[in-house]
N, C-alpha and C. Protein backbone atom coordinates (compact mmCIF):
# COMPACT_ATOMS: atom_id res chain seq x y z
N MET A 1 -261.74 57.42 -16.46
CA MET A 1 -260.99 57.52 -17.69
C MET A 1 -259.47 57.33 -17.39
N ALA A 2 -258.75 56.74 -18.21
CA ALA A 2 -257.34 56.59 -18.15
C ALA A 2 -256.72 56.92 -19.52
N VAL A 3 -255.79 57.88 -19.55
CA VAL A 3 -255.23 58.36 -20.68
C VAL A 3 -253.78 57.73 -20.81
N CYS A 4 -253.58 56.85 -21.77
CA CYS A 4 -252.32 56.26 -21.98
C CYS A 4 -251.57 56.94 -23.13
N SER A 5 -250.36 56.51 -23.41
CA SER A 5 -249.58 57.26 -24.45
C SER A 5 -250.18 57.08 -25.90
N ASN A 6 -250.85 55.99 -26.10
CA ASN A 6 -251.40 55.77 -27.40
C ASN A 6 -252.86 55.31 -27.50
N HIS A 7 -253.55 55.44 -26.39
CA HIS A 7 -255.00 55.09 -26.34
C HIS A 7 -255.56 55.58 -24.97
N ILE A 8 -256.87 55.54 -24.91
CA ILE A 8 -257.58 55.86 -23.71
C ILE A 8 -258.43 54.68 -23.27
N HIS A 9 -258.73 54.67 -22.03
CA HIS A 9 -259.76 53.80 -21.46
C HIS A 9 -260.80 54.68 -20.89
N LEU A 10 -262.03 54.36 -21.15
CA LEU A 10 -263.15 55.23 -20.71
C LEU A 10 -264.39 54.29 -20.39
N VAL A 11 -264.94 54.55 -19.20
CA VAL A 11 -266.13 53.79 -18.80
C VAL A 11 -267.26 54.80 -18.89
N VAL A 12 -268.25 54.59 -19.68
CA VAL A 12 -269.34 55.56 -19.83
C VAL A 12 -270.68 54.78 -19.87
N GLY A 13 -271.73 55.47 -19.50
CA GLY A 13 -273.05 54.95 -19.73
C GLY A 13 -273.58 55.68 -20.93
N SER A 14 -274.06 55.08 -21.90
CA SER A 14 -274.44 55.72 -23.20
C SER A 14 -275.95 55.97 -23.15
N GLY A 15 -276.72 55.42 -22.31
CA GLY A 15 -278.13 55.69 -22.19
C GLY A 15 -278.77 55.20 -23.54
N ASN A 16 -279.61 55.98 -24.17
CA ASN A 16 -280.24 55.72 -25.46
C ASN A 16 -279.35 55.91 -26.66
N GLU A 17 -278.20 56.59 -26.39
CA GLU A 17 -277.36 56.88 -27.56
C GLU A 17 -276.55 55.68 -27.97
N SER A 18 -276.31 55.58 -29.30
CA SER A 18 -275.49 54.40 -29.74
C SER A 18 -274.11 54.56 -29.36
N ILE A 19 -273.42 53.39 -29.17
CA ILE A 19 -272.08 53.41 -28.78
C ILE A 19 -271.26 54.14 -29.86
N LYS A 20 -271.53 54.02 -31.12
CA LYS A 20 -270.82 54.73 -32.12
C LYS A 20 -270.98 56.28 -31.94
N SER A 21 -272.18 56.73 -31.62
CA SER A 21 -272.37 58.18 -31.38
C SER A 21 -271.64 58.67 -30.15
N THR A 22 -271.66 57.86 -29.11
CA THR A 22 -270.99 58.25 -27.88
C THR A 22 -269.51 58.35 -28.10
N VAL A 23 -268.89 57.41 -28.77
CA VAL A 23 -267.45 57.44 -29.01
C VAL A 23 -267.11 58.62 -29.96
N SER A 24 -267.96 58.87 -30.96
CA SER A 24 -267.77 59.88 -31.79
C SER A 24 -267.83 61.37 -31.05
N ARG A 25 -268.71 61.47 -30.17
CA ARG A 25 -268.89 62.63 -29.40
C ARG A 25 -267.64 62.89 -28.54
N TYR A 26 -267.14 61.81 -27.92
CA TYR A 26 -265.89 61.95 -27.07
C TYR A 26 -264.70 62.31 -27.91
N LYS A 27 -264.61 61.66 -29.03
CA LYS A 27 -263.45 61.93 -29.93
C LYS A 27 -263.47 63.35 -30.44
N ASN A 28 -264.71 63.87 -30.81
CA ASN A 28 -264.80 65.21 -31.37
C ASN A 28 -264.51 66.30 -30.27
N VAL A 29 -264.99 66.14 -29.13
CA VAL A 29 -264.76 67.02 -28.00
C VAL A 29 -263.23 67.12 -27.64
N SER A 30 -262.68 65.89 -27.54
CA SER A 30 -261.24 65.87 -27.17
C SER A 30 -260.36 66.47 -28.32
N THR A 31 -260.68 66.21 -29.56
CA THR A 31 -259.99 66.77 -30.61
C THR A 31 -260.00 68.24 -30.58
N CYS A 32 -261.17 68.82 -30.41
CA CYS A 32 -261.32 70.29 -30.29
C CYS A 32 -260.40 70.89 -29.18
N ALA A 33 -260.40 70.18 -28.00
CA ALA A 33 -259.56 70.59 -26.90
C ALA A 33 -258.10 70.52 -27.17
N LEU A 34 -257.69 69.46 -27.80
CA LEU A 34 -256.33 69.33 -28.17
C LEU A 34 -255.89 70.27 -29.27
N LYS A 35 -256.74 70.59 -30.19
CA LYS A 35 -256.38 71.53 -31.25
C LYS A 35 -256.17 72.92 -30.65
N LYS A 36 -257.09 73.27 -29.59
CA LYS A 36 -256.90 74.53 -28.94
C LYS A 36 -255.59 74.65 -28.23
N MET A 37 -255.02 73.52 -27.92
CA MET A 37 -253.70 73.44 -27.14
C MET A 37 -252.55 73.48 -28.22
N GLY A 38 -252.84 73.49 -29.49
CA GLY A 38 -251.84 73.57 -30.56
C GLY A 38 -251.55 72.29 -31.28
N LEU A 39 -252.21 71.26 -30.98
CA LEU A 39 -251.91 69.98 -31.67
C LEU A 39 -252.58 70.04 -33.07
N THR A 40 -251.78 69.75 -34.07
CA THR A 40 -252.34 69.87 -35.45
C THR A 40 -252.35 68.51 -36.24
N LYS A 41 -251.69 67.54 -35.71
CA LYS A 41 -251.68 66.27 -36.47
C LYS A 41 -252.91 65.34 -36.12
N ARG A 42 -253.11 64.42 -36.99
CA ARG A 42 -254.26 63.49 -36.80
C ARG A 42 -254.16 62.88 -35.43
N ILE A 43 -255.29 62.69 -34.71
CA ILE A 43 -255.24 62.21 -33.35
C ILE A 43 -255.79 60.80 -33.29
N TRP A 44 -256.89 60.54 -33.88
CA TRP A 44 -257.62 59.29 -33.70
C TRP A 44 -257.49 58.36 -34.94
N THR A 45 -257.55 57.04 -34.70
CA THR A 45 -257.64 56.11 -35.77
C THR A 45 -259.30 55.83 -35.95
N ARG A 46 -259.63 55.17 -36.94
CA ARG A 46 -261.01 54.82 -37.10
C ARG A 46 -261.30 53.70 -36.19
N GLY A 47 -262.50 53.66 -35.75
CA GLY A 47 -263.04 52.50 -34.91
C GLY A 47 -262.66 52.62 -33.48
N PHE A 48 -263.06 51.62 -32.76
CA PHE A 48 -262.92 51.64 -31.31
C PHE A 48 -263.17 50.17 -30.83
N ASP A 49 -262.77 49.96 -29.59
CA ASP A 49 -263.07 48.63 -28.97
C ASP A 49 -264.10 48.82 -27.83
N LYS A 50 -265.16 48.12 -27.86
CA LYS A 50 -266.19 48.25 -26.82
C LYS A 50 -266.39 47.00 -26.04
N ARG A 51 -266.66 47.15 -24.77
CA ARG A 51 -266.88 46.03 -23.91
C ARG A 51 -268.14 46.44 -23.09
N PHE A 52 -269.17 45.70 -23.19
CA PHE A 52 -270.45 46.05 -22.44
C PHE A 52 -270.37 45.35 -21.05
N CYS A 53 -271.01 46.06 -20.13
CA CYS A 53 -271.17 45.51 -18.79
C CYS A 53 -272.73 45.29 -18.58
N PHE A 54 -272.99 44.00 -18.15
CA PHE A 54 -274.42 43.68 -17.93
C PHE A 54 -274.79 43.50 -16.44
N THR A 55 -273.81 43.53 -15.65
CA THR A 55 -274.06 43.41 -14.19
C THR A 55 -273.21 44.47 -13.49
N GLY A 56 -273.59 44.72 -12.22
CA GLY A 56 -272.87 45.61 -11.36
C GLY A 56 -271.46 45.10 -11.14
N GLU A 57 -271.25 43.84 -11.02
CA GLU A 57 -269.92 43.24 -10.79
C GLU A 57 -269.07 43.44 -12.10
N GLN A 58 -269.60 43.26 -13.23
CA GLN A 58 -268.86 43.47 -14.44
C GLN A 58 -268.42 45.00 -14.56
N LEU A 59 -269.31 45.86 -14.21
CA LEU A 59 -268.98 47.32 -14.26
C LEU A 59 -267.90 47.63 -13.23
N GLU A 60 -268.00 47.11 -12.03
CA GLU A 60 -266.88 47.37 -11.06
C GLU A 60 -265.57 46.78 -11.64
N GLN A 61 -265.57 45.60 -12.17
CA GLN A 61 -264.31 45.04 -12.84
C GLN A 61 -263.75 46.03 -13.82
N LYS A 62 -264.56 46.54 -14.77
CA LYS A 62 -264.08 47.44 -15.72
C LYS A 62 -263.56 48.71 -15.16
N ILE A 63 -264.18 49.29 -14.07
CA ILE A 63 -263.76 50.48 -13.44
C ILE A 63 -262.45 50.26 -12.76
N LYS A 64 -262.19 49.11 -12.14
CA LYS A 64 -260.99 48.73 -11.53
C LYS A 64 -259.82 48.59 -12.61
N TYR A 65 -260.19 48.02 -13.70
CA TYR A 65 -259.23 47.86 -14.86
C TYR A 65 -258.73 49.19 -15.29
N VAL A 66 -259.67 50.18 -15.50
CA VAL A 66 -259.31 51.47 -16.00
C VAL A 66 -258.46 52.22 -14.91
N ARG A 67 -258.87 52.14 -13.70
CA ARG A 67 -258.06 52.79 -12.63
C ARG A 67 -256.67 52.27 -12.61
N ARG A 68 -256.51 50.98 -12.84
CA ARG A 68 -255.07 50.49 -12.90
C ARG A 68 -254.24 51.07 -13.93
N HIS A 69 -254.88 51.58 -15.03
CA HIS A 69 -254.07 52.17 -16.14
C HIS A 69 -254.01 53.71 -16.05
N ASP A 70 -254.59 54.27 -14.99
CA ASP A 70 -254.64 55.71 -14.82
C ASP A 70 -253.31 56.16 -14.30
N LYS A 71 -252.49 56.90 -15.08
CA LYS A 71 -251.17 57.38 -14.63
C LYS A 71 -251.20 58.81 -14.09
N THR A 72 -252.45 59.43 -13.94
CA THR A 72 -252.53 60.78 -13.57
C THR A 72 -252.61 60.92 -12.02
N GLY A 73 -252.95 59.96 -11.33
CA GLY A 73 -253.03 60.14 -9.89
C GLY A 73 -253.00 58.92 -9.18
């Protein structure tokens, strides 16, 4: 995961769960955590961008892309 100032990059395996459900779950959990920290304004916009990986090489490329955007470490 990489958290940027106005968006996040996240590489996840969704298993049998739909992408929409996976994104919704992450948004809900992070919203609860941010509200506990005192954030009261709207956090997310509707929708999301998804990119599927069908090979190990594609997965590695996506992980490298996300790591390049990670400003936490």
